[in-house]
Amino acid sequence: MMDKNFDKSVYVFEIDDVLYPKRDYLLQVYYLFSNFVEYTEGRPLATEIVHFMKRTLEIADESVVLPKTVAHFELSEKYHENFERLKANAHLPLKLILKDNIKTLLLSLFERGKKVGILTDGNPVEQLNKLKHIDWQELTEFLPSLKVFFIRELEFRSMEPIDYLVEEYNVPADEIQVIAGNESGF
């Protein structure tokens, strides 16, 4: 749960559905993917595919959107690899917009001199790509002090993420506040 007194030394945030709605990223990837398929297949499919993907995301888990799309439009299995590559490296047409409450919280933390970082799970290439597409607005001046940590990389190196943060920031574990998932509501 988010500490409203800001009495911790370090605050680390997840990216998806904390900094911005993950759906905003996915819908842009779906748009780019649908145009890629239209171009590759040489037939007008983009609008229908992007609408199908959006509807599927609204009623099902993200993990089923691509398989259902490939099956529904009778696409080649090769599109799975193309989609994953695009999802990790997409150059988005629109910036990702920080949630207002998170922007306010981040500004407050930086202004109070708190150490702020990103602790994110998922494909590190994709997560870094998302960070590059966020419109940081007035937070831009603080970005040089923002450290980014990838849970998968730490676990691959057999490191416990919180233990690593304790060493990195030189604070006890109880001085670190992790804001992930539904914990960003305050």
Protein backbone atom coordinates (compact mmCIF):
# COMPACT_ATOMS: atom_id res chain seq x y z
CA MET A 1 0.00 0.00 0.00
CA MET A 2 1.20 3.50 -0.77
CA ASP A 3 2.60 5.40 2.18
CA LYS A 4 0.87 8.80 2.19
CA ASN A 5 3.34 10.32 4.67
CA PHE A 6 6.25 9.94 2.26
CA ASP A 7 8.43 8.74 5.11
CA LYS A 8 10.32 6.16 3.07
CA SER A 9 13.67 6.98 1.50
CA VAL A 10 13.15 5.18 -1.82
CA TYR A 11 10.08 4.80 -4.03
CA VAL A 12 10.17 2.40 -6.98
CA PHE A 13 7.38 2.10 -9.52
CA GLU A 14 6.23 -0.54 -11.97
CA ILE A 15 5.56 0.79 -15.47
CA ASP A 16 2.43 -0.96 -16.77
CA ASP A 17 -0.87 0.20 -15.28
CA VAL A 18 1.02 2.30 -12.73
CA LEU A 19 2.77 5.03 -14.70
CA TYR A 20 0.27 4.84 -17.56
CA PRO A 21 -2.51 2.44 -18.67
CA LYS A 22 -0.83 -0.55 -20.36
CA ARG A 23 -3.79 -0.65 -22.75
CA ASP A 24 -2.50 2.62 -24.30
CA TYR A 25 0.69 0.86 -25.37
CA LEU A 26 -1.04 -2.29 -26.56
CA LEU A 27 -3.58 -0.46 -28.72
CA GLN A 28 -0.79 1.39 -30.52
CA VAL A 29 1.08 -1.89 -31.06
CA TYR A 30 -2.14 -3.43 -32.42
CA TYR A 31 -2.52 -0.49 -34.80
CA LEU A 32 1.05 -0.87 -36.07
CA PHE A 33 0.68 -4.65 -36.34
CA SER A 34 -2.57 -4.42 -38.29
CA ASN A 35 -0.96 -2.05 -40.79
CA PHE A 36 2.04 -4.36 -41.10
CA VAL A 37 -0.27 -7.30 -41.84
CA GLU A 38 -2.23 -5.25 -44.40
CA TYR A 39 0.99 -4.25 -46.15
CA THR A 40 2.42 -7.79 -46.05
CA GLU A 41 -0.78 -9.51 -47.16
CA GLY A 42 -1.58 -6.89 -49.81
CA ARG A 43 -5.23 -6.71 -48.85
CA PRO A 44 -7.22 -4.14 -46.85
CA LEU A 45 -7.25 -5.74 -43.40
CA ALA A 46 -5.83 -3.11 -41.05
CA THR A 47 -9.06 -1.53 -39.81
CA GLU A 48 -10.80 -4.86 -39.29
CA ILE A 49 -7.77 -6.39 -37.52
CA VAL A 50 -7.20 -3.48 -35.15
CA HIS A 51 -10.89 -3.41 -34.19
CA PHE A 52 -10.88 -7.18 -33.65
CA MET A 53 -7.75 -6.96 -31.47
CA LYS A 54 -9.22 -4.10 -29.43
CA ARG A 55 -12.52 -5.94 -28.86
CA THR A 56 -10.65 -9.10 -27.89
CA LEU A 57 -8.50 -7.19 -25.38
CA GLU A 58 -11.64 -5.69 -23.83
CA ILE A 59 -13.18 -9.11 -23.14
CA ALA A 60 -10.14 -11.37 -22.70
CA ASP A 61 -6.60 -11.44 -21.40
CA GLU A 62 -3.84 -9.80 -23.43
CA SER A 63 -2.21 -13.22 -23.98
CA VAL A 64 -5.08 -14.46 -26.18
CA VAL A 65 -5.38 -11.41 -28.44
CA LEU A 66 -2.74 -12.46 -30.99
CA PRO A 67 -3.67 -16.18 -31.20
CA LYS A 68 -7.34 -15.29 -31.67
CA THR A 69 -6.43 -12.69 -34.30
CA VAL A 70 -4.21 -15.10 -36.22
CA ALA A 71 -6.94 -17.76 -36.16
CA HIS A 72 -9.81 -15.40 -37.01
CA PHE A 73 -8.04 -13.86 -40.01
CA GLU A 74 -6.37 -17.15 -41.04
CA LEU A 75 -2.92 -15.59 -40.86
CA SER A 76 0.37 -17.43 -41.02
CA GLU A 77 2.01 -18.43 -37.75
CA LYS A 78 5.01 -16.30 -38.82
CA TYR A 79 3.08 -13.29 -37.55
CA HIS A 80 3.64 -14.41 -33.95
CA GLU A 81 7.35 -13.61 -34.23
CA ASN A 82 6.66 -10.35 -36.09
CA PHE A 83 4.19 -9.29 -33.41
CA GLU A 84 6.56 -10.03 -30.51
CA ARG A 85 9.37 -8.12 -32.21
CA LEU A 86 7.06 -5.18 -32.90
CA LYS A 87 5.69 -5.25 -29.34
CA ALA A 88 9.22 -5.03 -27.92
CA ASN A 89 10.61 -2.42 -30.30
CA ALA A 90 7.63 -0.44 -31.58
CA HIS A 91 8.12 3.20 -32.47
CA LEU A 92 4.76 4.45 -31.27
CA PRO A 93 2.84 7.07 -33.24
CA LEU A 94 1.66 8.74 -29.98
CA LYS A 95 3.36 9.41 -26.65
CA LEU A 96 2.25 7.47 -23.57
CA ILE A 97 0.69 9.87 -21.08
CA LEU A 98 1.43 9.55 -17.37
CA LYS A 99 -1.59 9.13 -15.12
CA ASP A 100 -2.32 12.47 -13.45
CA ASN A 101 -2.13 11.06 -9.92
CA ILE A 102 1.22 9.40 -10.66
CA LYS A 103 2.64 12.56 -12.23
CA THR A 104 1.61 14.51 -9.12
CA LEU A 105 3.08 11.85 -6.84
CA LEU A 106 6.37 11.68 -8.75
CA LEU A 107 6.72 15.47 -8.71
CA SER A 108 6.09 15.51 -4.98
CA LEU A 109 8.66 12.76 -4.37
CA PHE A 110 11.33 14.46 -6.46
CA GLU A 111 10.64 17.83 -4.82
CA ARG A 112 11.02 16.20 -1.38
CA GLY A 113 14.40 14.81 -2.42
CA LYS A 114 13.27 11.20 -2.35
CA LYS A 115 15.08 8.59 -4.41
CA VAL A 116 12.81 7.41 -7.18
CA GLY A 117 13.27 4.44 -9.48
CA ILE A 118 11.54 2.04 -11.80
CA LEU A 119 11.38 -1.66 -10.86
CA THR A 120 9.68 -3.42 -13.71
CA ASP A 121 8.86 -6.94 -14.75
CA GLY A 122 8.53 -8.14 -18.32
CA ASN A 123 10.79 -8.13 -21.34
CA PRO A 124 13.51 -5.56 -20.51
CA VAL A 125 13.72 -4.37 -24.15
CA GLU A 126 9.97 -3.80 -24.25
CA GLN A 127 9.86 -2.12 -20.83
CA LEU A 128 12.70 0.24 -21.78
CA ASN A 129 10.93 1.01 -25.05
CA LYS A 130 7.80 1.99 -23.11
CA LEU A 131 9.83 4.35 -20.93
CA LYS A 132 11.23 6.03 -24.04
CA HIS A 133 7.70 6.72 -25.29
CA ILE A 134 6.35 8.29 -22.11
CA ASP A 135 5.68 12.01 -22.23
CA TRP A 136 7.38 12.99 -18.96
CA GLN A 137 6.41 16.67 -19.29
CA GLU A 138 7.59 18.63 -16.22
CA LEU A 139 9.28 15.51 -14.83
CA THR A 140 11.88 15.59 -17.63
CA GLU A 141 14.35 17.54 -15.49
CA PHE A 142 14.35 14.72 -12.91
CA LEU A 143 14.95 11.86 -15.37
CA PRO A 144 18.75 11.83 -14.93
CA SER A 145 18.23 10.76 -11.30
CA LEU A 146 15.67 8.06 -12.16
CA LYS A 147 17.19 4.58 -11.99
CA VAL A 148 15.64 1.66 -13.86
CA PHE A 149 15.83 -1.94 -12.65
CA PHE A 150 14.56 -4.98 -14.52
CA ILE A 151 13.25 -7.82 -12.36
CA ARG A 152 13.96 -10.44 -15.03
CA GLU A 153 17.59 -9.36 -15.36
CA LEU A 154 18.09 -9.40 -11.60
CA GLU A 155 16.47 -12.83 -11.26
CA PHE A 156 18.54 -14.13 -14.18
CA ARG A 157 21.60 -13.08 -12.20
CA SER A 158 20.11 -14.91 -9.16
CA MET A 159 19.53 -11.65 -7.33
CA GLU A 160 16.50 -10.85 -5.23
CA PRO A 161 15.18 -7.46 -6.50
CA ILE A 162 14.58 -5.92 -3.06
CA ASP A 163 17.99 -7.08 -1.81
CA TYR A 164 19.56 -5.49 -4.87
CA LEU A 165 17.71 -2.21 -4.22
CA VAL A 166 18.89 -2.26 -0.59
CA GLU A 167 22.49 -2.39 -1.83
CA GLU A 168 21.97 0.05 -4.70
CA TYR A 169 20.35 2.73 -2.56
CA ASN A 170 22.23 1.84 0.65
CA VAL A 171 19.05 1.75 2.78
CA PRO A 172 17.28 -0.95 4.81
CA ALA A 173 14.48 -2.86 3.05
CA ASP A 174 11.80 -1.14 5.15
CA GLU A 175 12.90 2.20 3.66
CA ILE A 176 11.85 1.06 0.16
CA GLN A 177 8.27 1.52 -1.05
CA VAL A 178 7.29 -0.48 -4.14
CA ILE A 179 4.30 0.85 -6.10
CA ALA A 180 2.95 -1.85 -8.39
CA GLY A 181 -0.43 -2.86 -9.80
CA ASN A 182 -3.44 -1.59 -7.86
CA GLU A 183 -1.23 -0.04 -5.19
CA SER A 184 -0.93 3.16 -7.23
CA GLY A 185 -4.35 4.38 -6.15
CA PHE A 186 -4.07 6.82 -3.25
